Amino acid sequence: MSWIPLEPKWKTYIVQSDNPIFTPQECQEIIKIGQSQKTSEAEVHTGVPGDKVRQKVNKTYRISKIRWIPFNQAPNMYANLEDWMLRFNANFFGYDGMRLTTPAQYTEYSKGEFYDWHLDSSMEGSTMPMVRKISMTLLLSDPKDFKGGNLELIKPHEPVLLKQGHAIFFASFLAHRVTRVTKGNRKSLVMWFGGPPLR
């Protein structure tokens, strides 16, 4: 296993996997599990991410279909992803008490769907005992299966070009978006890893 820090420092808040986390076959198995779950329209928070705040559908801000994968449906997937997160955290992020806190979100963006600029957590912290510190997006689709749908981060503010089965891990307080899909269907796995509030 190897890593590519996307900034020229050992301490970084954006890290992309060099090697695939999942093979194409494993990606298809995850897609199958994800598609077997109940579908819901993606919602947006109306307050500080991580707190128990109301959510609502806002189609001017976010359009996609999501499904939540229960822990008992994919234990090997979760164990693998948590291992990658812990390795990245030890080598790059340096957060305290990091662990898997919430189920994975299987997300599909069809033509015309997108997610505008947003944060997964806040630098101002949260009243919750565990807060999101590291976000992850893993591409399940073959990049040839869709156009558009680029993941972009506020820094370096360039499209993140992921291969199938590869992932990017980044600090949850970094603004990011998924641009509008213009063709095909983009399938991804999104996760958040948490720890005690930032000090």
Protein backbone atom coordinates (compact mmCIF):
# COMPACT_ATOMS: atom_id res chain seq x y z
CA MET A 1 0.00 0.00 0.00
CA SER A 2 1.30 3.48 -0.85
CA TRP A 3 0.04 7.04 -0.58
CA ILE A 4 0.15 10.24 -2.63
CA PRO A 5 0.01 13.41 -0.52
CA LEU A 6 -1.51 16.13 -2.70
CA GLU A 7 0.44 18.89 -0.96
CA PRO A 8 4.26 19.05 -0.61
CA LYS A 9 4.13 18.58 3.17
CA TRP A 10 3.88 15.48 5.31
CA LYS A 11 0.99 17.07 7.21
CA THR A 12 -1.84 17.47 4.73
CA TYR A 13 -5.63 17.59 4.65
CA ILE A 14 -6.06 15.98 1.21
CA VAL A 15 -4.79 12.48 0.41
CA GLN A 16 -5.61 10.28 -2.55
CA SER A 17 -5.11 6.52 -2.70
CA ASP A 18 -2.37 5.48 -5.11
CA ASN A 19 -3.50 1.86 -5.28
CA PRO A 20 -7.12 0.77 -5.75
CA ILE A 21 -8.97 0.11 -2.53
CA PHE A 22 -11.43 -2.16 -4.33
CA THR A 23 -11.16 -4.13 -7.58
CA PRO A 24 -13.74 -3.55 -10.34
CA GLN A 25 -15.46 -6.77 -9.26
CA GLU A 26 -15.60 -5.58 -5.64
CA CYS A 27 -16.98 -2.24 -6.82
CA GLN A 28 -19.78 -4.08 -8.62
CA GLU A 29 -20.53 -6.06 -5.47
CA ILE A 30 -20.78 -2.81 -3.47
CA ILE A 31 -23.05 -1.31 -6.15
CA LYS A 32 -25.29 -4.37 -5.91
CA ILE A 33 -25.50 -4.04 -2.11
CA GLY A 34 -26.13 -0.31 -2.37
CA GLN A 35 -28.88 -0.68 -4.94
CA SER A 36 -30.64 -3.25 -2.77
CA GLN A 37 -31.22 -0.64 -0.04
CA LYS A 38 -34.10 1.82 0.22
CA THR A 39 -33.66 4.87 -2.02
CA SER A 40 -34.18 8.41 -0.81
CA GLU A 41 -33.68 11.85 -2.30
CA ALA A 42 -30.54 13.55 -1.05
CA GLU A 43 -31.17 16.23 1.56
CA VAL A 44 -29.14 19.15 2.85
CA HIS A 45 -28.49 20.23 6.43
CA THR A 46 -30.16 23.37 7.71
CA GLY A 47 -27.61 23.92 10.49
CA VAL A 48 -24.10 22.93 11.57
CA PRO A 49 -23.10 19.56 10.03
CA GLY A 50 -22.79 16.86 12.68
CA ASP A 51 -25.44 18.31 14.97
CA LYS A 52 -28.97 16.97 15.19
CA VAL A 53 -30.43 19.50 12.80
CA ARG A 54 -33.33 19.34 10.40
CA GLN A 55 -32.67 18.38 6.80
CA LYS A 56 -34.63 19.12 3.68
CA VAL A 57 -34.61 18.47 -0.05
CA ASN A 58 -33.30 21.49 -1.96
CA LYS A 59 -33.11 20.79 -5.69
CA THR A 60 -31.39 24.07 -6.46
CA TYR A 61 -28.50 22.92 -4.26
CA ARG A 62 -28.37 19.14 -4.49
CA ILE A 63 -29.96 16.46 -6.66
CA SER A 64 -29.00 12.81 -6.35
CA LYS A 65 -30.28 9.49 -5.10
CA ILE A 66 -28.76 8.01 -1.96
CA ARG A 67 -28.92 4.74 -0.08
CA TRP A 68 -27.33 3.81 3.26
CA ILE A 69 -25.40 0.53 3.52
CA PRO A 70 -25.90 -1.17 6.93
CA PHE A 71 -22.73 -2.28 8.70
CA ASN A 72 -23.84 -5.92 8.74
CA GLN A 73 -24.37 -5.95 4.96
CA ALA A 74 -20.70 -5.30 4.12
CA PRO A 75 -18.40 -5.99 7.10
CA ASN A 76 -15.30 -6.61 4.94
CA MET A 77 -15.85 -3.35 3.05
CA TYR A 78 -16.10 -1.40 6.29
CA ALA A 79 -13.04 -3.07 7.81
CA ASN A 80 -10.98 -2.29 4.70
CA LEU A 81 -12.05 1.36 4.56
CA GLU A 82 -11.46 1.91 8.27
CA ASP A 83 -7.97 0.44 7.90
CA TRP A 84 -7.15 2.85 5.07
CA MET A 85 -8.50 5.78 7.07
CA LEU A 86 -6.45 4.88 10.14
CA ARG A 87 -3.28 4.57 8.06
CA PHE A 88 -3.89 7.90 6.35
CA ASN A 89 -4.73 9.56 9.64
CA ALA A 90 -1.54 8.27 11.25
CA ASN A 91 0.61 9.43 8.31
CA PHE A 92 -1.07 12.65 7.23
CA PHE A 93 -4.01 14.05 9.22
CA GLY A 94 -2.95 13.37 12.81
CA TYR A 95 -6.40 13.58 14.41
CA ASP A 96 -7.10 12.07 17.84
CA GLY A 97 -9.48 9.18 18.49
CA MET A 98 -10.52 8.53 14.91
CA ARG A 99 -12.98 5.76 14.14
CA LEU A 100 -15.82 4.68 11.91
CA THR A 101 -18.96 6.45 13.12
CA THR A 102 -21.69 6.30 10.47
CA PRO A 103 -22.82 3.95 7.70
CA ALA A 104 -21.59 4.48 4.15
CA GLN A 105 -23.69 6.46 1.71
CA TYR A 106 -24.09 4.88 -1.71
CA THR A 107 -24.80 7.75 -4.11
CA GLU A 108 -25.91 7.86 -7.73
CA TYR A 109 -25.83 10.99 -9.89
CA SER A 110 -27.75 10.68 -13.17
CA LYS A 111 -27.72 13.17 -16.03
CA GLY A 112 -28.41 16.69 -14.73
CA GLU A 113 -27.76 15.82 -11.08
CA PHE A 114 -25.15 17.53 -8.89
CA TYR A 115 -24.20 18.74 -5.39
CA ASP A 116 -23.16 22.36 -4.97
CA TRP A 117 -20.34 23.68 -2.71
CA HIS A 118 -20.72 22.47 0.88
CA LEU A 119 -18.87 21.39 4.02
CA ASP A 120 -19.25 18.05 5.78
CA SER A 121 -18.22 19.58 9.11
CA SER A 122 -17.44 22.97 10.59
CA MET A 123 -14.23 24.47 11.96
CA GLU A 124 -16.43 25.89 14.73
CA GLY A 125 -17.00 22.42 16.08
CA SER A 126 -20.16 20.69 17.20
CA THR A 127 -22.13 19.91 20.32
CA MET A 128 -22.04 16.22 19.41
CA PRO A 129 -19.52 13.98 21.26
CA MET A 130 -18.12 12.67 17.93
CA VAL A 131 -17.69 15.01 14.97
CA ARG A 132 -16.83 14.44 11.33
CA LYS A 133 -13.13 15.00 10.73
CA ILE A 134 -12.26 13.00 7.62
CA SER A 135 -14.50 12.63 4.57
CA MET A 136 -14.00 10.04 1.85
CA THR A 137 -15.27 9.66 -1.70
CA LEU A 138 -14.61 6.41 -3.53
CA LEU A 139 -15.51 6.02 -7.21
CA LEU A 140 -17.44 2.82 -7.88
CA SER A 141 -18.15 3.53 -11.56
CA ASP A 142 -15.76 3.16 -14.43
CA PRO A 143 -14.93 6.79 -15.38
CA LYS A 144 -15.89 5.93 -18.98
CA ASP A 145 -19.48 5.38 -17.85
CA PHE A 146 -20.25 9.07 -17.26
CA LYS A 147 -19.27 12.61 -18.18
CA GLY A 148 -19.25 15.62 -15.88
CA GLY A 149 -19.86 14.73 -12.24
CA ASN A 150 -16.43 15.95 -11.19
CA LEU A 151 -15.55 16.07 -7.52
CA GLU A 152 -13.86 19.43 -6.87
CA LEU A 153 -12.18 20.68 -3.70
CA ILE A 154 -11.77 24.33 -2.76
CA LYS A 155 -8.05 23.57 -2.49
CA PRO A 156 -6.46 22.97 -4.97
CA HIS A 157 -9.81 23.71 -6.69
CA GLU A 158 -9.24 21.29 -9.50
CA PRO A 159 -11.24 18.21 -10.48
CA VAL A 160 -10.26 15.10 -8.54
CA LEU A 161 -9.62 12.48 -11.21
CA LEU A 162 -10.37 9.16 -9.55
CA LYS A 163 -10.03 5.76 -11.16
CA GLN A 164 -12.53 3.02 -10.42
CA GLY A 165 -11.98 1.66 -6.91
CA HIS A 166 -9.77 4.59 -5.87
CA ALA A 167 -10.64 7.10 -3.17
CA ILE A 168 -9.76 10.51 -1.84
CA PHE A 169 -9.71 11.30 1.88
CA PHE A 170 -9.90 14.94 2.97
CA ALA A 171 -10.60 17.08 6.02
CA SER A 172 -14.35 17.42 6.47
CA PHE A 173 -14.10 21.20 6.89
CA LEU A 174 -12.88 21.65 3.28
CA ALA A 175 -15.51 22.94 0.84
CA HIS A 176 -16.22 20.60 -2.06
CA ARG A 177 -18.81 19.88 -4.73
CA VAL A 178 -19.86 17.42 -7.42
CA THR A 179 -20.46 19.14 -10.74
CA ARG A 180 -23.49 18.37 -12.88
CA VAL A 181 -23.43 15.02 -14.68
CA THR A 182 -23.88 15.56 -18.42
CA LYS A 183 -24.00 11.93 -19.54
CA GLY A 184 -24.37 8.51 -17.94
CA ASN A 185 -24.52 7.66 -14.25
CA ARG A 186 -21.88 8.32 -11.59
CA LYS A 187 -21.85 5.83 -8.70
CA SER A 188 -19.80 6.53 -5.61
CA LEU A 189 -19.36 5.58 -1.98
CA VAL A 190 -19.19 8.41 0.54
CA MET A 191 -18.10 8.04 4.15
CA TRP A 192 -17.28 10.20 7.14
CA PHE A 193 -14.94 9.26 9.97
CA GLY A 194 -15.19 10.97 13.34
CA GLY A 195 -13.45 11.72 16.57
CA PRO A 196 -13.63 14.07 19.54
CA PRO A 197 -14.28 17.77 18.77
CA LEU A 198 -11.31 19.75 17.45
CA ARG A 199 -9.34 21.59 20.13
